[in-house]
Amino acid sequence: MNKLTPKRMFFTKGVGHHKNKLQSFELALRSAGVAQCNLVAVSSIFPPDCKIISKEKGIAFLGTGQITFVVMAREATNEPNRLVSAAIGLARPKNKKVYGYLSEHHGFGETLTKAADFAEDLAATMLGSTLGIEVDPDAAWDERKQVYKVGGKQQFVSRSIAQNARGHKDGLWTTVVAMAVMLLDS
């Protein structure tokens, strides 16, 4: 692996309110703990041998102005009481030497659970298609163990993080973010 392959990753989320849309986004990034970084959006591959760490440990690795790779979901509204959501889903094989998938989902009118479940199911479906397996999230989900079992062959685990909020009552911009933050070894 080269130096740009992340070895660690953490999940975070946040919400911000402001009269300006961009400042609302900035406040959501502050709430998520990553506003001090130069964020670069990347696509959906969860690297092999990547360790998931806590948000607190991950933020300790971030420096001011640091280029930081993220898979980010983001949504905003300035309509009072309009529900916005952002979610990141992860599906990775039990075999940590194999890559997995991250998905981003953003929408309106969805509960936190619905947004999180959708992002998680999307990641699982993408991973399943890569493995040549048709995944039916409703039939494959084992709620108790939270492990996808497909065709008795492949198992993979999934998880998600989501943030939602109602549009500010006074019409301020409300922005929600959810992200997977990838950390590179220096």
N, C-alpha and C. Protein backbone atom coordinates (compact mmCIF):
# COMPACT_ATOMS: atom_id res chain seq x y z
N MET A 1 0.83 -1.19 0.00
CA MET A 1 0.00 0.00 0.00
C MET A 1 0.87 1.24 0.00
N ASN A 2 0.35 2.27 -0.64
CA ASN A 2 1.13 3.51 -0.67
C ASN A 2 0.76 4.42 0.50
N LYS A 3 1.42 5.53 0.57
CA LYS A 3 1.24 6.45 1.70
C LYS A 3 -0.14 7.10 1.74
N LEU A 4 -0.88 7.09 0.64
CA LEU A 4 -2.20 7.72 0.64
C LEU A 4 -3.32 6.75 0.98
N THR A 5 -2.98 5.57 1.42
CA THR A 5 -4.01 4.62 1.85
C THR A 5 -4.24 4.80 3.35
N PRO A 6 -5.43 5.21 3.72
CA PRO A 6 -5.72 5.44 5.15
C PRO A 6 -5.57 4.17 5.98
N LYS A 7 -5.01 4.33 7.14
CA LYS A 7 -4.86 3.23 8.10
C LYS A 7 -5.89 3.31 9.23
N ARG A 8 -6.44 4.52 9.41
CA ARG A 8 -7.43 4.73 10.47
C ARG A 8 -8.56 5.60 9.91
N MET A 9 -9.72 5.46 10.52
CA MET A 9 -10.87 6.24 10.11
C MET A 9 -11.79 6.42 11.31
N PHE A 10 -12.49 7.56 11.34
CA PHE A 10 -13.51 7.73 12.38
C PHE A 10 -14.74 8.37 11.77
N PHE A 11 -15.85 8.20 12.46
CA PHE A 11 -17.13 8.77 12.04
C PHE A 11 -17.44 9.97 12.92
N THR A 12 -18.08 10.96 12.30
CA THR A 12 -18.50 12.14 13.05
C THR A 12 -19.73 12.76 12.38
N LYS A 13 -20.37 13.65 13.11
CA LYS A 13 -21.57 14.30 12.60
C LYS A 13 -21.72 15.65 13.29
N GLY A 14 -22.55 16.52 12.68
CA GLY A 14 -22.76 17.81 13.29
C GLY A 14 -23.93 18.56 12.67
N VAL A 15 -24.32 19.63 13.34
CA VAL A 15 -25.40 20.48 12.86
C VAL A 15 -25.03 21.93 13.14
N GLY A 16 -25.43 22.83 12.24
CA GLY A 16 -25.17 24.25 12.42
C GLY A 16 -26.34 25.09 11.95
N HIS A 17 -26.53 26.25 12.58
CA HIS A 17 -27.60 27.19 12.22
C HIS A 17 -26.97 28.57 12.05
N HIS A 18 -27.33 29.27 10.97
CA HIS A 18 -26.84 30.64 10.76
C HIS A 18 -27.67 31.30 9.68
N LYS A 19 -27.65 32.62 9.64
CA LYS A 19 -28.41 33.33 8.60
C LYS A 19 -27.79 33.13 7.22
N ASN A 20 -26.50 32.83 7.16
CA ASN A 20 -25.83 32.55 5.89
C ASN A 20 -25.62 31.04 5.74
N LYS A 21 -25.90 30.53 4.56
CA LYS A 21 -25.79 29.09 4.31
C LYS A 21 -24.36 28.57 4.55
N LEU A 22 -23.36 29.28 4.03
CA LEU A 22 -21.98 28.83 4.18
C LEU A 22 -21.56 28.81 5.66
N GLN A 23 -21.97 29.80 6.42
CA GLN A 23 -21.61 29.83 7.83
C GLN A 23 -22.36 28.74 8.61
N SER A 24 -23.54 28.40 8.15
CA SER A 24 -24.26 27.28 8.75
C SER A 24 -23.47 25.98 8.54
N PHE A 25 -22.92 25.82 7.34
CA PHE A 25 -22.07 24.66 7.04
C PHE A 25 -20.82 24.66 7.93
N GLU A 26 -20.19 25.81 8.05
CA GLU A 26 -19.00 25.94 8.91
C GLU A 26 -19.32 25.53 10.35
N LEU A 27 -20.47 25.96 10.86
CA LEU A 27 -20.85 25.60 12.23
C LEU A 27 -21.15 24.11 12.36
N ALA A 28 -21.69 23.50 11.32
CA ALA A 28 -21.90 22.05 11.33
C ALA A 28 -20.55 21.32 11.37
N LEU A 29 -19.56 21.83 10.62
CA LEU A 29 -18.22 21.24 10.66
C LEU A 29 -17.58 21.41 12.03
N ARG A 30 -17.80 22.55 12.66
CA ARG A 30 -17.29 22.76 14.03
C ARG A 30 -17.94 21.77 14.99
N SER A 31 -19.24 21.60 14.85
CA SER A 31 -19.97 20.65 15.70
C SER A 31 -19.41 19.23 15.51
N ALA A 32 -19.00 18.92 14.28
CA ALA A 32 -18.42 17.60 13.98
C ALA A 32 -16.95 17.49 14.40
N GLY A 33 -16.32 18.63 14.69
CA GLY A 33 -14.93 18.61 15.16
C GLY A 33 -13.88 18.65 14.06
N VAL A 34 -14.27 19.03 12.83
CA VAL A 34 -13.31 18.99 11.72
C VAL A 34 -13.17 20.33 10.98
N ALA A 35 -13.69 21.39 11.52
CA ALA A 35 -13.69 22.69 10.83
C ALA A 35 -12.29 23.24 10.59
N GLN A 36 -11.32 22.82 11.36
CA GLN A 36 -9.96 23.34 11.22
C GLN A 36 -9.20 22.72 10.05
N CYS A 37 -9.80 21.74 9.38
CA CYS A 37 -9.12 21.01 8.30
C CYS A 37 -9.60 21.47 6.92
N ASN A 38 -8.77 21.23 5.92
CA ASN A 38 -9.15 21.39 4.53
C ASN A 38 -9.68 20.05 4.06
N LEU A 39 -10.99 19.95 3.95
CA LEU A 39 -11.62 18.68 3.65
C LEU A 39 -11.64 18.42 2.15
N VAL A 40 -11.30 17.19 1.78
CA VAL A 40 -11.32 16.74 0.39
C VAL A 40 -12.27 15.56 0.32
N ALA A 41 -13.34 15.72 -0.45
CA ALA A 41 -14.32 14.65 -0.58
C ALA A 41 -13.76 13.55 -1.49
N VAL A 42 -13.90 12.32 -1.03
CA VAL A 42 -13.48 11.16 -1.81
C VAL A 42 -14.66 10.22 -1.97
N SER A 43 -14.49 9.24 -2.84
CA SER A 43 -15.60 8.32 -3.10
C SER A 43 -15.69 7.26 -2.02
N SER A 44 -16.10 6.08 -2.36
CA SER A 44 -16.73 5.19 -1.40
C SER A 44 -15.96 3.95 -0.96
N ILE A 45 -14.69 3.88 -1.12
CA ILE A 45 -13.96 2.66 -0.74
C ILE A 45 -13.44 2.75 0.68
N PHE A 46 -13.79 1.74 1.48
CA PHE A 46 -13.22 1.58 2.82
C PHE A 46 -11.98 0.71 2.65
N PRO A 47 -10.78 1.25 2.93
CA PRO A 47 -9.54 0.54 2.63
C PRO A 47 -9.35 -0.76 3.43
N PRO A 48 -8.68 -1.74 2.83
CA PRO A 48 -8.33 -2.95 3.58
C PRO A 48 -7.46 -2.59 4.78
N ASP A 49 -7.59 -3.33 5.84
CA ASP A 49 -6.78 -3.15 7.06
C ASP A 49 -6.92 -1.77 7.70
N CYS A 50 -7.99 -1.07 7.40
CA CYS A 50 -8.23 0.24 8.00
C CYS A 50 -8.95 0.03 9.33
N LYS A 51 -8.43 0.66 10.36
CA LYS A 51 -9.00 0.51 11.71
C LYS A 51 -9.95 1.67 12.00
N ILE A 52 -11.12 1.34 12.51
CA ILE A 52 -12.07 2.38 12.92
C ILE A 52 -11.76 2.75 14.36
N ILE A 53 -11.57 4.05 14.58
CA ILE A 53 -11.25 4.55 15.92
C ILE A 53 -12.36 5.51 16.36
N SER A 54 -12.34 5.89 17.61
CA SER A 54 -13.35 6.81 18.14
C SER A 54 -13.13 8.22 17.57
N LYS A 55 -14.19 8.99 17.60
CA LYS A 55 -14.11 10.39 17.17
C LYS A 55 -13.06 11.14 18.00
N GLU A 56 -13.06 10.92 19.29
CA GLU A 56 -12.13 11.62 20.18
C GLU A 56 -10.68 11.32 19.82
N LYS A 57 -10.37 10.06 19.58
CA LYS A 57 -9.00 9.69 19.18
C LYS A 57 -8.67 10.26 17.82
N GLY A 58 -9.63 10.21 16.90
CA GLY A 58 -9.40 10.69 15.53
C GLY A 58 -9.13 12.18 15.48
N ILE A 59 -9.92 12.95 16.20
CA ILE A 59 -9.75 14.40 16.19
C ILE A 59 -8.36 14.79 16.72
N ALA A 60 -7.83 14.01 17.63
CA ALA A 60 -6.49 14.29 18.17
C ALA A 60 -5.41 14.21 17.09
N PHE A 61 -5.67 13.48 16.00
CA PHE A 61 -4.70 13.36 14.91
C PHE A 61 -4.78 14.51 13.92
N LEU A 62 -5.81 15.35 14.01
CA LEU A 62 -6.02 16.41 13.04
C LEU A 62 -5.26 17.67 13.41
N GLY A 63 -4.67 18.30 12.41
CA GLY A 63 -3.95 19.55 12.61
C GLY A 63 -4.61 20.67 11.83
N THR A 64 -4.42 21.89 12.28
CA THR A 64 -4.99 23.05 11.62
C THR A 64 -4.45 23.17 10.20
N GLY A 65 -5.37 23.27 9.25
CA GLY A 65 -4.99 23.41 7.85
C GLY A 65 -4.67 22.10 7.14
N GLN A 66 -4.72 21.01 7.86
CA GLN A 66 -4.38 19.70 7.31
C GLN A 66 -5.34 19.31 6.18
N ILE A 67 -4.80 18.76 5.09
CA ILE A 67 -5.62 18.16 4.04
C ILE A 67 -6.17 16.87 4.62
N THR A 68 -7.49 16.74 4.62
CA THR A 68 -8.15 15.61 5.26
C THR A 68 -9.19 15.03 4.31
N PHE A 69 -9.07 13.74 4.05
CA PHE A 69 -9.98 13.06 3.14
C PHE A 69 -11.22 12.59 3.91
N VAL A 70 -12.40 12.85 3.33
CA VAL A 70 -13.66 12.47 3.96
C VAL A 70 -14.65 11.94 2.93
N VAL A 71 -15.49 11.04 3.37
CA VAL A 71 -16.72 10.72 2.65
C VAL A 71 -17.78 11.48 3.43
N MET A 72 -18.46 12.43 2.76
CA MET A 72 -19.35 13.33 3.48
C MET A 72 -20.75 13.36 2.87
N ALA A 73 -21.73 13.35 3.76
CA ALA A 73 -23.12 13.62 3.39
C ALA A 73 -23.49 14.95 4.02
N ARG A 74 -24.25 15.76 3.28
CA ARG A 74 -24.55 17.11 3.73
C ARG A 74 -25.91 17.53 3.18
N GLU A 75 -26.71 18.17 4.02
CA GLU A 75 -27.99 18.70 3.57
C GLU A 75 -28.27 19.98 4.33
N ALA A 76 -29.04 20.89 3.70
CA ALA A 76 -29.33 22.18 4.32
C ALA A 76 -30.72 22.65 3.93
N THR A 77 -31.30 23.47 4.80
CA THR A 77 -32.58 24.11 4.52
C THR A 77 -32.65 25.44 5.27
N ASN A 78 -33.45 26.35 4.72
CA ASN A 78 -33.79 27.55 5.47
C ASN A 78 -35.30 27.65 5.67
N GLU A 79 -35.98 26.53 5.48
CA GLU A 79 -37.42 26.45 5.71
C GLU A 79 -37.68 26.04 7.15
N PRO A 80 -38.41 26.84 7.92
CA PRO A 80 -38.69 26.47 9.31
C PRO A 80 -39.33 25.09 9.40
N ASN A 81 -38.83 24.31 10.33
CA ASN A 81 -39.33 22.97 10.66
C ASN A 81 -39.12 21.90 9.59
N ARG A 82 -38.51 22.19 8.45
CA ARG A 82 -38.26 21.17 7.44
C ARG A 82 -37.16 20.24 7.96
N LEU A 83 -37.43 18.95 7.96
CA LEU A 83 -36.50 17.97 8.49
C LEU A 83 -35.45 17.63 7.44
N VAL A 84 -34.17 17.80 7.79
CA VAL A 84 -33.06 17.45 6.90
C VAL A 84 -32.21 16.38 7.57
N SER A 85 -31.60 15.53 6.74
CA SER A 85 -30.76 14.47 7.30
C SER A 85 -29.56 14.21 6.41
N ALA A 86 -28.52 13.70 7.05
CA ALA A 86 -27.29 13.28 6.36
C ALA A 86 -26.80 12.03 7.07
N ALA A 87 -26.38 11.03 6.28
CA ALA A 87 -25.94 9.76 6.88
C ALA A 87 -24.82 9.14 6.05
N ILE A 88 -23.95 8.43 6.74
CA ILE A 88 -22.88 7.64 6.12
C ILE A 88 -23.08 6.20 6.55
N GLY A 89 -23.02 5.30 5.57
CA GLY A 89 -23.11 3.86 5.86
C GLY A 89 -21.80 3.19 5.52
N LEU A 90 -21.51 2.10 6.22
CA LEU A 90 -20.31 1.30 5.98
C LEU A 90 -20.70 -0.16 5.92
N ALA A 91 -20.18 -0.86 4.92
CA ALA A 91 -20.27 -2.32 4.87
C ALA A 91 -18.89 -2.83 4.54
N ARG A 92 -18.39 -3.75 5.38
CA ARG A 92 -17.06 -4.32 5.13
C ARG A 92 -17.10 -5.80 5.43
N PRO A 93 -16.36 -6.57 4.63
CA PRO A 93 -16.30 -8.02 4.89
C PRO A 93 -15.69 -8.30 6.25
N LYS A 94 -16.05 -9.44 6.82
CA LYS A 94 -15.42 -9.87 8.09
C LYS A 94 -13.91 -9.96 7.91
N ASN A 95 -13.47 -10.38 6.72
CA ASN A 95 -12.05 -10.45 6.40
C ASN A 95 -11.53 -9.03 6.21
N LYS A 96 -10.78 -8.52 7.15
CA LYS A 96 -10.33 -7.14 7.12
C LYS A 96 -9.28 -6.86 6.06
N LYS A 97 -8.80 -7.89 5.37
CA LYS A 97 -7.83 -7.71 4.30
C LYS A 97 -8.52 -7.33 2.99
N VAL A 98 -9.85 -7.36 2.98
CA VAL A 98 -10.64 -7.05 1.80
C VAL A 98 -11.30 -5.69 2.00
N TYR A 99 -11.39 -4.91 0.92
CA TYR A 99 -11.98 -3.58 1.05
C TYR A 99 -13.49 -3.64 1.19
N GLY A 100 -14.04 -2.56 1.71
CA GLY A 100 -15.47 -2.43 1.88
C GLY A 100 -15.97 -1.17 1.19
N TYR A 101 -17.21 -0.80 1.48
CA TYR A 101 -17.83 0.36 0.87
C TYR A 101 -18.40 1.30 1.91
N LEU A 102 -18.27 2.59 1.61
CA LEU A 102 -18.91 3.65 2.36
C LEU A 102 -19.95 4.28 1.44
N SER A 103 -21.07 4.66 1.99
CA SER A 103 -22.09 5.34 1.19
C SER A 103 -22.51 6.61 1.90
N GLU A 104 -22.94 7.59 1.12
CA GLU A 104 -23.46 8.81 1.70
C GLU A 104 -24.90 8.99 1.25
N HIS A 105 -25.71 9.48 2.17
CA HIS A 105 -27.13 9.70 1.89
C HIS A 105 -27.53 11.01 2.54
N HIS A 106 -28.28 11.81 1.82
CA HIS A 106 -28.79 13.06 2.37
C HIS A 106 -30.20 13.26 1.84
N GLY A 107 -31.07 13.79 2.68
CA GLY A 107 -32.44 13.93 2.24
C GLY A 107 -33.28 14.81 3.14
N PHE A 108 -34.56 14.83 2.82
CA PHE A 108 -35.54 15.64 3.53
C PHE A 108 -36.64 14.73 4.07
N GLY A 109 -37.15 15.08 5.24
CA GLY A 109 -38.32 14.40 5.79
C GLY A 109 -38.07 13.02 6.35
N GLU A 110 -36.83 12.65 6.58
CA GLU A 110 -36.51 11.32 7.10
C GLU A 110 -36.10 11.37 8.56
N THR A 111 -36.55 10.39 9.31
CA THR A 111 -36.09 10.27 10.69
C THR A 111 -34.62 9.89 10.69
N LEU A 112 -34.01 10.03 11.84
CA LEU A 112 -32.61 9.65 12.00
C LEU A 112 -32.42 8.17 11.67
N THR A 113 -33.30 7.33 12.18
CA THR A 113 -33.20 5.89 11.95
C THR A 113 -33.36 5.55 10.48
N LYS A 114 -34.33 6.16 9.82
CA LYS A 114 -34.56 5.87 8.41
C LYS A 114 -33.35 6.27 7.56
N ALA A 115 -32.78 7.43 7.81
CA ALA A 115 -31.60 7.88 7.05
C ALA A 115 -30.41 6.96 7.31
N ALA A 116 -30.18 6.61 8.56
CA ALA A 116 -29.06 5.72 8.90
C ALA A 116 -29.23 4.35 8.27
N ASP A 117 -30.43 3.79 8.37
CA ASP A 117 -30.69 2.47 7.79
C ASP A 117 -30.51 2.49 6.27
N PHE A 118 -30.98 3.55 5.62
CA PHE A 118 -30.85 3.64 4.17
C PHE A 118 -29.38 3.67 3.77
N ALA A 119 -28.57 4.49 4.45
CA ALA A 119 -27.14 4.58 4.12
C ALA A 119 -26.45 3.24 4.33
N GLU A 120 -26.79 2.56 5.41
CA GLU A 120 -26.19 1.26 5.71
C GLU A 120 -26.58 0.22 4.66
N ASP A 121 -27.85 0.18 4.30
CA ASP A 121 -28.32 -0.75 3.28
C ASP A 121 -27.68 -0.45 1.93
N LEU A 122 -27.50 0.82 1.60
CA LEU A 122 -26.86 1.20 0.35
C LEU A 122 -25.42 0.70 0.29
N ALA A 123 -24.68 0.88 1.37
CA ALA A 123 -23.30 0.39 1.42
C ALA A 123 -23.27 -1.13 1.26
N ALA A 124 -24.17 -1.82 1.93
CA ALA A 124 -24.22 -3.28 1.84
C ALA A 124 -24.56 -3.74 0.42
N THR A 125 -25.47 -3.05 -0.22
CA THR A 125 -25.84 -3.39 -1.60
C THR A 125 -24.66 -3.18 -2.54
N MET A 126 -23.91 -2.08 -2.35
CA MET A 126 -22.74 -1.82 -3.20
C MET A 126 -21.68 -2.88 -2.98
N LEU A 127 -21.43 -3.25 -1.72
CA LEU A 127 -20.44 -4.29 -1.45
C LEU A 127 -20.90 -5.62 -2.04
N GLY A 128 -22.16 -5.94 -1.86
CA GLY A 128 -22.68 -7.19 -2.41
C GLY A 128 -22.52 -7.27 -3.91
N SER A 129 -22.79 -6.17 -4.62
CA SER A 129 -22.65 -6.20 -6.08
C SER A 129 -21.20 -6.39 -6.50
N THR A 130 -20.27 -5.83 -5.75
CA THR A 130 -18.85 -6.03 -6.03
C THR A 130 -18.45 -7.49 -5.86
N LEU A 131 -19.05 -8.13 -4.87
CA LEU A 131 -18.75 -9.54 -4.60
C LEU A 131 -19.56 -10.49 -5.48
N GLY A 132 -20.41 -9.92 -6.35
CA GLY A 132 -21.23 -10.74 -7.22
C GLY A 132 -22.42 -11.37 -6.51
N ILE A 133 -22.87 -10.73 -5.44
CA ILE A 133 -23.97 -11.25 -4.63
C ILE A 133 -25.12 -10.26 -4.66
N GLU A 134 -26.31 -10.73 -4.94
CA GLU A 134 -27.51 -9.88 -4.87
C GLU A 134 -27.90 -9.76 -3.40
N VAL A 135 -27.95 -8.56 -2.91
CA VAL A 135 -28.28 -8.33 -1.51
C VAL A 135 -29.69 -7.74 -1.41
N ASP A 136 -30.53 -8.41 -0.68
CA ASP A 136 -31.85 -7.88 -0.34
C ASP A 136 -31.77 -7.46 1.13
N PRO A 137 -31.61 -6.15 1.39
CA PRO A 137 -31.40 -5.71 2.77
C PRO A 137 -32.48 -6.17 3.74
N ASP A 138 -33.72 -6.26 3.28
CA ASP A 138 -34.79 -6.68 4.17
C ASP A 138 -34.66 -8.15 4.54
N ALA A 139 -34.21 -8.98 3.61
CA ALA A 139 -34.11 -10.41 3.88
C ALA A 139 -32.78 -10.78 4.53
N ALA A 140 -31.74 -10.00 4.29
CA ALA A 140 -30.40 -10.38 4.73
C ALA A 140 -30.04 -9.87 6.13
N TRP A 141 -30.75 -8.89 6.63
CA TRP A 141 -30.35 -8.24 7.88
C TRP A 141 -30.68 -9.09 9.08
N ASP A 142 -29.68 -9.42 9.86
CA ASP A 142 -29.86 -10.15 11.11
C ASP A 142 -29.77 -9.10 12.21
N GLU A 143 -30.92 -8.64 12.66
CA GLU A 143 -30.98 -7.52 13.60
C GLU A 143 -30.20 -7.78 14.88
N ARG A 144 -30.28 -8.99 15.39
CA ARG A 144 -29.64 -9.28 16.68
C ARG A 144 -28.13 -9.20 16.59
N LYS A 145 -27.54 -9.77 15.57
CA LYS A 145 -26.08 -9.81 15.46
C LYS A 145 -25.51 -8.67 14.63
N GLN A 146 -26.37 -7.95 13.92
CA GLN A 146 -25.95 -6.89 13.03
C GLN A 146 -24.84 -7.36 12.09
N VAL A 147 -25.10 -8.49 11.48
CA VAL A 147 -24.17 -9.05 10.50
C VAL A 147 -24.98 -9.42 9.27
N TYR A 148 -24.52 -9.00 8.11
CA TYR A 148 -25.16 -9.43 6.87
C TYR A 148 -24.69 -10.84 6.55
N LYS A 149 -25.66 -11.70 6.27
CA LYS A 149 -25.36 -13.07 5.88
C LYS A 149 -25.99 -13.27 4.51
N VAL A 150 -25.18 -13.58 3.53
CA VAL A 150 -25.67 -13.69 2.18
C VAL A 150 -25.30 -15.05 1.61
N GLY A 151 -26.30 -15.80 1.21
CA GLY A 151 -26.07 -17.07 0.53
C GLY A 151 -25.24 -18.06 1.33
N GLY A 152 -25.12 -17.87 2.62
CA GLY A 152 -24.33 -18.78 3.44
C GLY A 152 -22.84 -18.71 3.15
N LYS A 153 -22.42 -17.83 2.25
CA LYS A 153 -21.00 -17.76 1.86
C LYS A 153 -20.26 -16.61 2.51
N GLN A 154 -20.72 -15.43 2.26
CA GLN A 154 -20.00 -14.23 2.65
C GLN A 154 -20.70 -13.55 3.80
N GLN A 155 -19.96 -13.11 4.74
CA GLN A 155 -20.51 -12.32 5.83
C GLN A 155 -19.82 -10.97 5.83
N PHE A 156 -20.59 -9.96 6.10
CA PHE A 156 -19.98 -8.65 6.30
C PHE A 156 -20.77 -7.88 7.34
N VAL A 157 -20.07 -6.99 7.99
CA VAL A 157 -20.67 -6.17 9.04
C VAL A 157 -20.98 -4.79 8.48
N SER A 158 -21.92 -4.14 9.09
CA SER A 158 -22.28 -2.81 8.63
C SER A 158 -22.57 -1.92 9.83
N ARG A 159 -22.51 -0.64 9.58
CA ARG A 159 -22.83 0.35 10.59
C ARG A 159 -23.11 1.67 9.89
N SER A 160 -23.59 2.63 10.64
CA SER A 160 -23.87 3.94 10.05
C SER A 160 -23.80 5.02 11.13
N ILE A 161 -23.73 6.24 10.64
CA ILE A 161 -23.85 7.41 11.51
C ILE A 161 -24.75 8.39 10.78
N ALA A 162 -25.60 9.05 11.51
CA ALA A 162 -26.55 9.98 10.88
C ALA A 162 -26.78 11.19 11.77
N GLN A 163 -27.13 12.28 11.12
CA GLN A 163 -27.49 13.51 11.82
C GLN A 163 -28.73 14.07 11.14
N ASN A 164 -29.70 14.48 11.91
CA ASN A 164 -30.83 15.19 11.33
C ASN A 164 -31.17 16.38 12.22
N ALA A 165 -31.95 17.28 11.65
CA ALA A 165 -32.38 18.46 12.40
C ALA A 165 -33.57 19.07 11.68
N ARG A 166 -34.37 19.77 12.43
CA ARG A 166 -35.48 20.53 11.85
C ARG A 166 -34.97 21.93 11.51
N GLY A 167 -35.45 22.45 10.39
CA GLY A 167 -35.10 23.81 10.02
C GLY A 167 -35.40 24.78 11.15
N HIS A 168 -34.50 25.71 11.36
CA HIS A 168 -34.63 26.69 12.45
C HIS A 168 -35.96 27.42 12.35
N LYS A 169 -36.59 27.63 13.49
CA LYS A 169 -37.93 28.23 13.53
C LYS A 169 -37.97 29.64 12.95
N ASP A 170 -36.82 30.35 12.99
CA ASP A 170 -36.77 31.72 12.47
C ASP A 170 -36.25 31.80 11.03
N GLY A 171 -36.13 30.65 10.36
CA GLY A 171 -35.71 30.64 8.97
C GLY A 171 -34.21 30.75 8.76
N LEU A 172 -33.41 30.57 9.83
CA LEU A 172 -31.97 30.52 9.64
C LEU A 172 -31.62 29.26 8.84
N TRP A 173 -30.50 29.28 8.16
CA TRP A 173 -30.03 28.08 7.48
C TRP A 173 -29.68 27.02 8.52
N THR A 174 -30.12 25.82 8.28
CA THR A 174 -29.80 24.66 9.12
C THR A 174 -29.07 23.67 8.23
N THR A 175 -27.86 23.31 8.61
CA THR A 175 -27.05 22.36 7.85
C THR A 175 -26.70 21.18 8.74
N VAL A 176 -26.84 19.98 8.18
CA VAL A 176 -26.42 18.77 8.86
C VAL A 176 -25.33 18.10 8.03
N VAL A 177 -24.36 17.50 8.72
CA VAL A 177 -23.30 16.74 8.06
C VAL A 177 -23.10 15.42 8.80
N ALA A 178 -22.70 14.43 8.04
CA ALA A 178 -22.23 13.15 8.60
C ALA A 178 -21.04 12.77 7.74
N MET A 179 -20.01 12.22 8.35
CA MET A 179 -18.83 11.88 7.56
C MET A 179 -17.99 10.78 8.16
N ALA A 180 -17.27 10.14 7.25
CA ALA A 180 -16.21 9.21 7.61
C ALA A 180 -14.91 9.96 7.31
N VAL A 181 -14.09 10.15 8.32
CA VAL A 181 -12.85 10.91 8.19
C VAL A 181 -11.68 9.93 8.13
N MET A 182 -10.92 10.01 7.05
CA MET A 182 -9.82 9.08 6.82
C MET A 182 -8.51 9.71 7.25
N LEU A 183 -7.72 8.95 7.99
CA LEU A 183 -6.45 9.47 8.51
C LEU A 183 -5.29 8.75 7.84
N LEU A 184 -4.34 9.54 7.37
CA LEU A 184 -3.14 8.99 6.73
C LEU A 184 -2.00 9.00 7.75
N ASP A 185 -1.14 8.01 7.66
CA ASP A 185 0.07 8.03 8.48
C ASP A 185 1.03 9.03 7.86
N SER A 186 1.69 9.80 8.70
CA SER A 186 2.63 10.79 8.17
C SER A 186 4.01 10.21 8.03
